[in-house]
PDB file of N, CA and C in Angstrom:
ATOM      1  N   UNK A   1       3.914 -18.456  -4.384  1.00  0.00           N
ATOM      2  CA  UNK A   1       4.477 -17.483  -3.477  1.00  0.00           C
ATOM      3  C   UNK A   1       5.840 -17.052  -4.015  1.00  0.00           C
ATOM      4  N   UNK A   2       6.121 -15.768  -3.885  1.00  0.00           N
ATOM      5  CA  UNK A   2       7.402 -15.242  -4.343  1.00  0.00           C
ATOM      6  C   UNK A   2       8.199 -14.738  -3.148  1.00  0.00           C
ATOM      7  N   UNK A   3       9.467 -14.469  -3.375  1.00  0.00           N
ATOM      8  CA  UNK A   3      10.299 -13.933  -2.288  1.00  0.00           C
ATOM      9  C   UNK A   3       9.815 -12.546  -1.872  1.00  0.00           C
ATOM     10  N   UNK A   4       9.290 -11.771  -2.816  1.00  0.00           N
ATOM     11  CA  UNK A   4       8.761 -10.449  -2.487  1.00  0.00           C
ATOM     12  C   UNK A   4       7.548 -10.559  -1.575  1.00  0.00           C
ATOM     13  N   UNK A   5       6.682 -11.520  -1.878  1.00  0.00           N
ATOM     14  CA  UNK A   5       5.495 -11.713  -1.037  1.00  0.00           C
ATOM     15  C   UNK A   5       5.892 -12.215   0.338  1.00  0.00           C
ATOM     16  N   UNK A   6       6.869 -13.108   0.410  1.00  0.00           N
ATOM     17  CA  UNK A   6       7.344 -13.608   1.705  1.00  0.00           C
ATOM     18  C   UNK A   6       7.972 -12.482   2.524  1.00  0.00           C
ATOM     19  N   UNK A   7       8.705 -11.594   1.866  1.00  0.00           N
ATOM     20  CA  UNK A   7       9.309 -10.462   2.566  1.00  0.00           C
ATOM     21  C   UNK A   7       8.233  -9.516   3.104  1.00  0.00           C
ATOM     22  N   UNK A   8       7.187  -9.281   2.312  1.00  0.00           N
ATOM     23  CA  UNK A   8       6.079  -8.438   2.761  1.00  0.00           C
ATOM     24  C   UNK A   8       5.399  -9.065   3.974  1.00  0.00           C
ATOM     25  N   UNK A   9       5.221 -10.376   3.927  1.00  0.00           N
ATOM     26  CA  UNK A   9       4.625 -11.094   5.054  1.00  0.00           C
ATOM     27  C   UNK A   9       5.489 -10.888   6.312  1.00  0.00           C
ATOM     28  N   UNK A  10       6.784 -10.980   6.152  1.00  0.00           N
ATOM     29  CA  UNK A  10       7.697 -10.750   7.274  1.00  0.00           C
ATOM     30  C   UNK A  10       7.552  -9.348   7.842  1.00  0.00           C
ATOM     31  N   UNK A  11       7.385  -8.355   6.979  1.00  0.00           N
ATOM     32  CA  UNK A  11       7.202  -6.981   7.449  1.00  0.00           C
ATOM     33  C   UNK A  11       5.905  -6.827   8.221  1.00  0.00           C
ATOM     34  N   UNK A  12       4.846  -7.484   7.768  1.00  0.00           N
ATOM     35  CA  UNK A  12       3.567  -7.418   8.482  1.00  0.00           C
ATOM     36  C   UNK A  12       3.716  -8.063   9.858  1.00  0.00           C
ATOM     37  N   UNK A  13       4.334  -9.223   9.915  1.00  0.00           N
ATOM     38  CA  UNK A  13       4.506  -9.908  11.201  1.00  0.00           C
ATOM     39  C   UNK A  13       5.395  -9.096  12.149  1.00  0.00           C
ATOM     40  N   UNK A  14       6.408  -8.434  11.609  1.00  0.00           N
ATOM     41  CA  UNK A  14       7.266  -7.583  12.436  1.00  0.00           C
ATOM     42  C   UNK A  14       6.477  -6.405  12.987  1.00  0.00           C
ATOM     43  N   UNK A  15       5.653  -5.802  12.161  1.00  0.00           N
ATOM     44  CA  UNK A  15       4.818  -4.688  12.615  1.00  0.00           C
ATOM     45  C   UNK A  15       3.895  -5.144  13.739  1.00  0.00           C
ATOM     46  N   UNK A  16       3.266  -6.289  13.562  1.00  0.00           N
ATOM     47  CA  UNK A  16       2.376  -6.814  14.599  1.00  0.00           C
ATOM     48  C   UNK A  16       3.157  -7.069  15.886  1.00  0.00           C
ATOM     49  N   UNK A  17       4.316  -7.664  15.758  1.00  0.00           N
ATOM     50  CA  UNK A  17       5.139  -7.978  16.921  1.00  0.00           C
ATOM     51  C   UNK A  17       5.631  -6.715  17.624  1.00  0.00           C
ATOM     52  N   UNK A  18       6.101  -5.760  16.850  1.00  0.00           N
ATOM     53  CA  UNK A  18       6.676  -4.541  17.421  1.00  0.00           C
ATOM     54  C   UNK A  18       5.633  -3.588  17.985  1.00  0.00           C
ATOM     55  N   UNK A  19       4.474  -3.492  17.341  1.00  0.00           N
ATOM     56  CA  UNK A  19       3.476  -2.498  17.730  1.00  0.00           C
ATOM     57  C   UNK A  19       2.211  -3.092  18.328  1.00  0.00           C
ATOM     58  N   UNK A  20       2.081  -4.399  18.241  1.00  0.00           N
ATOM     59  CA  UNK A  20       0.834  -5.035  18.649  1.00  0.00           C
ATOM     60  C   UNK A  20       0.364  -4.680  20.041  1.00  0.00           C
ATOM     61  N   UNK A  21       1.223  -4.782  21.008  1.00  0.00           N
ATOM     62  CA  UNK A  21       0.806  -4.566  22.399  1.00  0.00           C
ATOM     63  C   UNK A  21       0.448  -3.108  22.685  1.00  0.00           C
ATOM     64  N   UNK A  22       1.108  -2.171  22.006  1.00  0.00           N
ATOM     65  CA  UNK A  22       0.873  -0.771  22.323  1.00  0.00           C
ATOM     66  C   UNK A  22      -0.073  -0.058  21.366  1.00  0.00           C
ATOM     67  N   UNK A  23      -0.162  -0.513  20.130  1.00  0.00           N
ATOM     68  CA  UNK A  23      -0.942   0.218  19.127  1.00  0.00           C
ATOM     69  C   UNK A  23      -2.091  -0.572  18.506  1.00  0.00           C
ATOM     70  N   UNK A  24      -2.168  -1.855  18.819  1.00  0.00           N
ATOM     71  CA  UNK A  24      -3.210  -2.697  18.230  1.00  0.00           C
ATOM     72  C   UNK A  24      -3.865  -3.543  19.304  1.00  0.00           C
ATOM     73  N   UNK A  25      -5.153  -3.714  19.190  1.00  0.00           N
ATOM     74  CA  UNK A  25      -5.881  -4.615  20.077  1.00  0.00           C
ATOM     75  C   UNK A  25      -5.666  -6.051  19.583  1.00  0.00           C
ATOM     76  N   UNK A  26      -5.801  -7.031  20.479  1.00  0.00           N
ATOM     77  CA  UNK A  26      -5.583  -8.426  20.068  1.00  0.00           C
ATOM     78  C   UNK A  26      -6.416  -8.843  18.848  1.00  0.00           C
ATOM     79  N   UNK A  27      -7.651  -8.427  18.781  1.00  0.00           N
ATOM     80  CA  UNK A  27      -8.503  -8.790  17.642  1.00  0.00           C
ATOM     81  C   UNK A  27      -7.983  -8.153  16.348  1.00  0.00           C
ATOM     82  N   UNK A  28      -7.405  -6.960  16.449  1.00  0.00           N
ATOM     83  CA  UNK A  28      -6.846  -6.308  15.275  1.00  0.00           C
ATOM     84  C   UNK A  28      -5.597  -7.046  14.799  1.00  0.00           C
ATOM     85  N   UNK A  29      -4.781  -7.477  15.736  1.00  0.00           N
ATOM     86  CA  UNK A  29      -3.595  -8.270  15.375  1.00  0.00           C
ATOM     87  C   UNK A  29      -4.012  -9.540  14.646  1.00  0.00           C
ATOM     88  N   UNK A  30      -5.037 -10.184  15.153  1.00  0.00           N
ATOM     89  CA  UNK A  30      -5.513 -11.424  14.533  1.00  0.00           C
ATOM     90  C   UNK A  30      -6.059 -11.165  13.131  1.00  0.00           C
ATOM     91  N   UNK A  31      -6.772 -10.065  12.945  1.00  0.00           N
ATOM     92  CA  UNK A  31      -7.280  -9.722  11.609  1.00  0.00           C
ATOM     93  C   UNK A  31      -6.135  -9.537  10.633  1.00  0.00           C
ATOM     94  N   UNK A  32      -5.082  -8.861  11.066  1.00  0.00           N
ATOM     95  CA  UNK A  32      -3.928  -8.634  10.202  1.00  0.00           C
ATOM     96  C   UNK A  32      -3.211  -9.941   9.880  1.00  0.00           C
ATOM     97  N   UNK A  33      -3.004 -10.788  10.898  1.00  0.00           N
ATOM     98  CA  UNK A  33      -2.352 -12.090  10.673  1.00  0.00           C
ATOM     99  C   UNK A  33      -3.156 -12.942   9.704  1.00  0.00           C
ATOM    100  N   UNK A  34      -4.441 -12.997   9.948  1.00  0.00           N
ATOM    101  CA  UNK A  34      -5.317 -13.818   9.112  1.00  0.00           C
ATOM    102  C   UNK A  34      -5.305 -13.330   7.662  1.00  0.00           C
ATOM    103  N   UNK A  35      -5.383 -12.024   7.471  1.00  0.00           N
ATOM    104  CA  UNK A  35      -5.367 -11.480   6.112  1.00  0.00           C
ATOM    105  C   UNK A  35      -4.033 -11.755   5.427  1.00  0.00           C
ATOM    106  N   UNK A  36      -2.937 -11.548   6.141  1.00  0.00           N
ATOM    107  CA  UNK A  36      -1.614 -11.795   5.554  1.00  0.00           C
ATOM    108  C   UNK A  36      -1.463 -13.266   5.185  1.00  0.00           C
ATOM    109  N   UNK A  37      -1.921 -14.166   6.051  1.00  0.00           N
ATOM    110  CA  UNK A  37      -1.858 -15.600   5.757  1.00  0.00           C
ATOM    111  C   UNK A  37      -2.674 -15.935   4.512  1.00  0.00           C
ATOM    112  N   UNK A  38      -3.901 -15.444   4.472  1.00  0.00           N
ATOM    113  CA  UNK A  38      -4.783 -15.718   3.339  1.00  0.00           C
ATOM    114  C   UNK A  38      -4.159 -15.230   2.042  1.00  0.00           C
ATOM    115  N   UNK A  39      -3.656 -14.006   2.064  1.00  0.00           N
ATOM    116  CA  UNK A  39      -3.093 -13.419   0.850  1.00  0.00           C
ATOM    117  C   UNK A  39      -1.806 -14.118   0.418  1.00  0.00           C
ATOM    118  N   UNK A  40      -0.973 -14.465   1.381  1.00  0.00           N
ATOM    119  CA  UNK A  40       0.300 -15.101   1.051  1.00  0.00           C
ATOM    120  C   UNK A  40       0.092 -16.402   0.281  1.00  0.00           C
ATOM    121  N   UNK A  41      -0.923 -17.151   0.661  1.00  0.00           N
ATOM    122  CA  UNK A  41      -1.142 -18.458   0.040  1.00  0.00           C
ATOM    123  C   UNK A  41      -2.171 -18.432  -1.090  1.00  0.00           C
ATOM    124  N   UNK A  42      -2.627 -17.234  -1.467  1.00  0.00           N
ATOM    125  CA  UNK A  42      -3.557 -17.093  -2.587  1.00  0.00           C
ATOM    126  C   UNK A  42      -2.775 -17.035  -3.889  1.00  0.00           C
ATOM    127  N   UNK A  43      -3.218 -17.790  -4.859  1.00  0.00           N
ATOM    128  CA  UNK A  43      -2.526 -17.805  -6.146  1.00  0.00           C
ATOM    129  C   UNK A  43      -3.061 -16.761  -7.110  1.00  0.00           C
ATOM    130  N   UNK A  44      -4.319 -16.360  -6.915  1.00  0.00           N
ATOM    131  CA  UNK A  44      -4.923 -15.364  -7.798  1.00  0.00           C
ATOM    132  C   UNK A  44      -5.767 -14.406  -6.970  1.00  0.00           C
ATOM    133  N   UNK A  45      -6.122 -13.302  -7.593  1.00  0.00           N
ATOM    134  CA  UNK A  45      -7.000 -12.333  -6.934  1.00  0.00           C
ATOM    135  C   UNK A  45      -8.328 -12.987  -6.582  1.00  0.00           C
ATOM    136  N   UNK A  46      -8.764 -13.937  -7.406  1.00  0.00           N
ATOM    137  CA  UNK A  46     -10.045 -14.590  -7.191  1.00  0.00           C
ATOM    138  C   UNK A  46     -10.011 -15.742  -6.194  1.00  0.00           C
ATOM    139  N   UNK A  47      -8.872 -15.971  -5.565  1.00  0.00           N
ATOM    140  CA  UNK A  47      -8.778 -17.062  -4.585  1.00  0.00           C
ATOM    141  C   UNK A  47      -9.772 -16.823  -3.453  1.00  0.00           C
ATOM    142  N   UNK A  48     -10.342 -17.887  -2.916  1.00  0.00           N
ATOM    143  CA  UNK A  48     -11.326 -17.740  -1.843  1.00  0.00           C
ATOM    144  C   UNK A  48     -10.788 -16.893  -0.694  1.00  0.00           C
ATOM    145  N   UNK A  49     -11.499 -15.829  -0.403  1.00  0.00           N
ATOM    146  CA  UNK A  49     -11.166 -14.986   0.739  1.00  0.00           C
ATOM    147  C   UNK A  49     -10.127 -13.914   0.492  1.00  0.00           C
ATOM    148  N   UNK A  50      -9.436 -13.938  -0.647  1.00  0.00           N
ATOM    149  CA  UNK A  50      -8.341 -12.987  -0.873  1.00  0.00           C
ATOM    150  C   UNK A  50      -8.840 -11.545  -0.925  1.00  0.00           C
ATOM    151  N   UNK A  51      -9.814 -11.294  -1.733  1.00  0.00           N
ATOM    152  CA  UNK A  51     -10.337  -9.923  -1.860  1.00  0.00           C
ATOM    153  C   UNK A  51     -10.952  -9.463  -0.541  1.00  0.00           C
ATOM    154  N   UNK A  52     -11.704 -10.331   0.116  1.00  0.00           N
ATOM    155  CA  UNK A  52     -12.328  -9.974   1.397  1.00  0.00           C
ATOM    156  C   UNK A  52     -11.277  -9.668   2.464  1.00  0.00           C
ATOM    157  N   UNK A  53     -10.189 -10.427   2.465  1.00  0.00           N
ATOM    158  CA  UNK A  53      -9.113 -10.196   3.435  1.00  0.00           C
ATOM    159  C   UNK A  53      -8.502  -8.819   3.236  1.00  0.00           C
ATOM    160  N   UNK A  54      -8.246  -8.455   1.998  1.00  0.00           N
ATOM    161  CA  UNK A  54      -7.657  -7.155   1.718  1.00  0.00           C
ATOM    162  C   UNK A  54      -8.628  -6.028   2.061  1.00  0.00           C
ATOM    163  N   UNK A  55      -9.888  -6.218   1.765  1.00  0.00           N
ATOM    164  CA  UNK A  55     -10.899  -5.202   2.091  1.00  0.00           C
ATOM    165  C   UNK A  55     -11.022  -5.028   3.607  1.00  0.00           C
ATOM    166  N   UNK A  56     -10.905  -6.121   4.352  1.00  0.00           N
ATOM    167  CA  UNK A  56     -10.970  -6.036   5.808  1.00  0.00           C
ATOM    168  C   UNK A  56      -9.793  -5.225   6.352  1.00  0.00           C
ATOM    169  N   UNK A  57      -8.612  -5.437   5.813  1.00  0.00           N
ATOM    170  CA  UNK A  57      -7.440  -4.677   6.258  1.00  0.00           C
ATOM    171  C   UNK A  57      -7.604  -3.205   5.886  1.00  0.00           C
ATOM    172  N   UNK A  58      -8.149  -2.942   4.723  1.00  0.00           N
ATOM    173  CA  UNK A  58      -8.390  -1.556   4.336  1.00  0.00           C
ATOM    174  C   UNK A  58      -9.326  -0.879   5.331  1.00  0.00           C
ATOM    175  N   UNK A  59     -10.394  -1.571   5.720  1.00  0.00           N
ATOM    176  CA  UNK A  59     -11.319  -1.032   6.719  1.00  0.00           C
ATOM    177  C   UNK A  59     -10.609  -0.813   8.056  1.00  0.00           C
ATOM    178  N   UNK A  60      -9.771  -1.767   8.447  1.00  0.00           N
ATOM    179  CA  UNK A  60      -9.058  -1.671   9.715  1.00  0.00           C
ATOM    180  C   UNK A  60      -8.120  -0.474   9.735  1.00  0.00           C
ATOM    181  N   UNK A  61      -7.321  -0.305   8.706  1.00  0.00           N
ATOM    182  CA  UNK A  61      -6.365   0.813   8.722  1.00  0.00           C
ATOM    183  C   UNK A  61      -7.092   2.159   8.652  1.00  0.00           C
ATOM    184  N   UNK A  62      -8.196   2.218   7.938  1.00  0.00           N
ATOM    185  CA  UNK A  62      -8.990   3.452   7.927  1.00  0.00           C
ATOM    186  C   UNK A  62      -9.509   3.768   9.323  1.00  0.00           C
ATOM    187  N   UNK A  63      -9.971   2.751  10.030  1.00  0.00           N
ATOM    188  CA  UNK A  63     -10.462   2.952  11.399  1.00  0.00           C
ATOM    189  C   UNK A  63      -9.335   3.386  12.334  1.00  0.00           C
ATOM    190  N   UNK A  64      -8.150   2.829  12.157  1.00  0.00           N
ATOM    191  CA  UNK A  64      -7.004   3.215  12.992  1.00  0.00           C
ATOM    192  C   UNK A  64      -6.649   4.685  12.788  1.00  0.00           C
ATOM    193  N   UNK A  65      -6.697   5.135  11.546  1.00  0.00           N
ATOM    194  CA  UNK A  65      -6.398   6.540  11.244  1.00  0.00           C
ATOM    195  C   UNK A  65      -7.526   7.443  11.734  1.00  0.00           C
ATOM    196  N   UNK A  66      -8.767   7.061  11.433  1.00  0.00           N
ATOM    197  CA  UNK A  66      -9.921   7.884  11.820  1.00  0.00           C
ATOM    198  C   UNK A  66     -10.018   8.071  13.329  1.00  0.00           C
ATOM    199  N   UNK A  67      -9.599   7.060  14.075  1.00  0.00           N
ATOM    200  CA  UNK A  67      -9.664   7.140  15.541  1.00  0.00           C
ATOM    201  C   UNK A  67      -8.501   7.939  16.127  1.00  0.00           C
ATOM    202  N   UNK A  68      -7.508   8.243  15.298  1.00  0.00           N
ATOM    203  CA  UNK A  68      -6.339   8.968  15.767  1.00  0.00           C
ATOM    204  C   UNK A  68      -5.286   8.090  16.414  1.00  0.00           C
ATOM    205  N   UNK A  69      -5.483   6.775  16.365  1.00  0.00           N
ATOM    206  CA  UNK A  69      -4.527   5.857  16.982  1.00  0.00           C
ATOM    207  C   UNK A  69      -3.287   5.667  16.135  1.00  0.00           C
ATOM    208  N   UNK A  70      -3.413   5.803  14.826  1.00  0.00           N
ATOM    209  CA  UNK A  70      -2.280   5.648  13.900  1.00  0.00           C
ATOM    210  C   UNK A  70      -2.231   6.857  12.986  1.00  0.00           C
ATOM    211  N   UNK A  71      -1.020   7.209  12.606  1.00  0.00           N
ATOM    212  CA  UNK A  71      -0.834   8.255  11.597  1.00  0.00           C
ATOM    213  C   UNK A  71      -1.095   7.635  10.223  1.00  0.00           C
ATOM    214  N   UNK A  72      -1.548   8.469   9.309  1.00  0.00           N
ATOM    215  CA  UNK A  72      -1.905   8.001   7.976  1.00  0.00           C
ATOM    216  C   UNK A  72      -0.743   7.295   7.285  1.00  0.00           C
ATOM    217  N   UNK A  73       0.457   7.841   7.393  1.00  0.00           N
ATOM    218  CA  UNK A  73       1.620   7.243   6.729  1.00  0.00           C
ATOM    219  C   UNK A  73       1.884   5.816   7.191  1.00  0.00           C
ATOM    220  N   UNK A  74       1.883   5.615   8.502  1.00  0.00           N
ATOM    221  CA  UNK A  74       2.154   4.290   9.055  1.00  0.00           C
ATOM    222  C   UNK A  74       1.044   3.311   8.671  1.00  0.00           C
ATOM    223  N   UNK A  75      -0.198   3.753   8.744  1.00  0.00           N
ATOM    224  CA  UNK A  75      -1.322   2.879   8.386  1.00  0.00           C
ATOM    225  C   UNK A  75      -1.275   2.511   6.908  1.00  0.00           C
ATOM    226  N   UNK A  76      -0.943   3.482   6.066  1.00  0.00           N
ATOM    227  CA  UNK A  76      -0.851   3.224   4.628  1.00  0.00           C
ATOM    228  C   UNK A  76       0.279   2.221   4.338  1.00  0.00           C
ATOM    229  N   UNK A  77       1.399   2.353   5.031  1.00  0.00           N
ATOM    230  CA  UNK A  77       2.513   1.416   4.839  1.00  0.00           C
ATOM    231  C   UNK A  77       2.102   0.006   5.259  1.00  0.00           C
ATOM    232  N   UNK A  78       1.357  -0.097   6.351  1.00  0.00           N
ATOM    233  CA  UNK A  78       0.874  -1.413   6.788  1.00  0.00           C
ATOM    234  C   UNK A  78      -0.033  -2.016   5.728  1.00  0.00           C
ATOM    235  N   UNK A  79      -0.961  -1.227   5.213  1.00  0.00           N
ATOM    236  CA  UNK A  79      -1.858  -1.728   4.174  1.00  0.00           C
ATOM    237  C   UNK A  79      -1.066  -2.198   2.954  1.00  0.00           C
ATOM    238  N   UNK A  80      -0.093  -1.405   2.532  1.00  0.00           N
ATOM    239  CA  UNK A  80       0.711  -1.784   1.364  1.00  0.00           C
ATOM    240  C   UNK A  80       1.474  -3.085   1.612  1.00  0.00           C
ATOM    241  N   UNK A  81       1.972  -3.276   2.822  1.00  0.00           N
ATOM    242  CA  UNK A  81       2.681  -4.520   3.136  1.00  0.00           C
ATOM    243  C   UNK A  81       1.738  -5.718   3.121  1.00  0.00           C
ATOM    244  N   UNK A  82       0.548  -5.556   3.666  1.00  0.00           N
ATOM    245  CA  UNK A  82      -0.424  -6.652   3.619  1.00  0.00           C
ATOM    246  C   UNK A  82      -0.801  -6.929   2.175  1.00  0.00           C
ATOM    247  N   UNK A  83      -1.052  -5.880   1.420  1.00  0.00           N
ATOM    248  CA  UNK A  83      -1.398  -6.051   0.006  1.00  0.00           C
ATOM    249  C   UNK A  83      -0.298  -6.778  -0.748  1.00  0.00           C
ATOM    250  N   UNK A  84       0.956  -6.470  -0.432  1.00  0.00           N
ATOM    251  CA  UNK A  84       2.089  -7.079  -1.120  1.00  0.00           C
ATOM    252  C   UNK A  84       2.255  -8.570  -0.777  1.00  0.00           C
ATOM    253  N   UNK A  85       1.553  -9.047   0.251  1.00  0.00           N
ATOM    254  CA  UNK A  85       1.562 -10.479   0.569  1.00  0.00           C
ATOM    255  C   UNK A  85       0.807 -11.278  -0.488  1.00  0.00           C
ATOM    256  N   UNK A  86      -0.086 -10.615  -1.197  1.00  0.00           N
ATOM    257  CA  UNK A  86      -0.957 -11.337  -2.113  1.00  0.00           C
ATOM    258  C   UNK A  86      -0.621 -11.143  -3.570  1.00  0.00           C
ATOM    259  N   UNK A  87      -1.470 -11.720  -4.420  1.00  0.00           N
ATOM    260  CA  UNK A  87      -1.247 -11.694  -5.860  1.00  0.00           C
ATOM    261  C   UNK A  87      -1.790 -10.439  -6.534  1.00  0.00           C
ATOM    262  N   UNK A  88      -1.831  -9.338  -5.790  1.00  0.00           N
ATOM    263  CA  UNK A  88      -2.396  -8.103  -6.308  1.00  0.00           C
ATOM    264  C   UNK A  88      -1.321  -7.214  -6.896  1.00  0.00           C
ATOM    265  N   UNK A  89      -1.702  -6.409  -7.849  1.00  0.00           N
ATOM    266  CA  UNK A  89      -0.812  -5.384  -8.360  1.00  0.00           C
ATOM    267  C   UNK A  89      -1.057  -4.153  -7.512  1.00  0.00           C
ATOM    268  N   UNK A  90      -0.053  -3.656  -6.785  1.00  0.00           N
ATOM    269  CA  UNK A  90      -0.264  -2.476  -5.943  1.00  0.00           C
ATOM    270  C   UNK A  90      -0.754  -1.288  -6.764  1.00  0.00           C
ATOM    271  N   UNK A  91      -1.658  -0.549  -6.168  1.00  0.00           N
ATOM    272  CA  UNK A  91      -2.195   0.645  -6.794  1.00  0.00           C
ATOM    273  C   UNK A  91      -1.450   1.834  -6.210  1.00  0.00           C
ATOM    274  N   UNK A  92      -0.797   2.619  -7.079  1.00  0.00           N
ATOM    275  CA  UNK A  92       0.036   3.739  -6.719  1.00  0.00           C
ATOM    276  C   UNK A  92      -0.529   4.600  -5.698  1.00  0.00           C
TER     277      UNK A  92
END
C-alpha cells in the first residue's frame, strides 16, 4: 500500500460519507466500500477479487449516470478514486 492509494481510499470513504444518504442506496455504498477495501489491500492486478471489484464499480457508476442520479463528471471521479486505491495504472 502506498500513501497515494491510502489517500484515494480516504476520498472514496469521504464521498460515501458525504453523499451516501442522499445519492447512494445502502447496497451501493457497501459495493463501493468493499471494492475500495479489496483494491487497497491488493498487491497486484491479479490479486483475488481485484479486477472483479473494479469492474463492479465501473458497472455501478455507469448505472448511476444512465439513471440520471449522478452527473458523468462526478461518477467518473468516483471511479478514478476507487481505481487509485488499487495496484492499477489509471487509464487516461
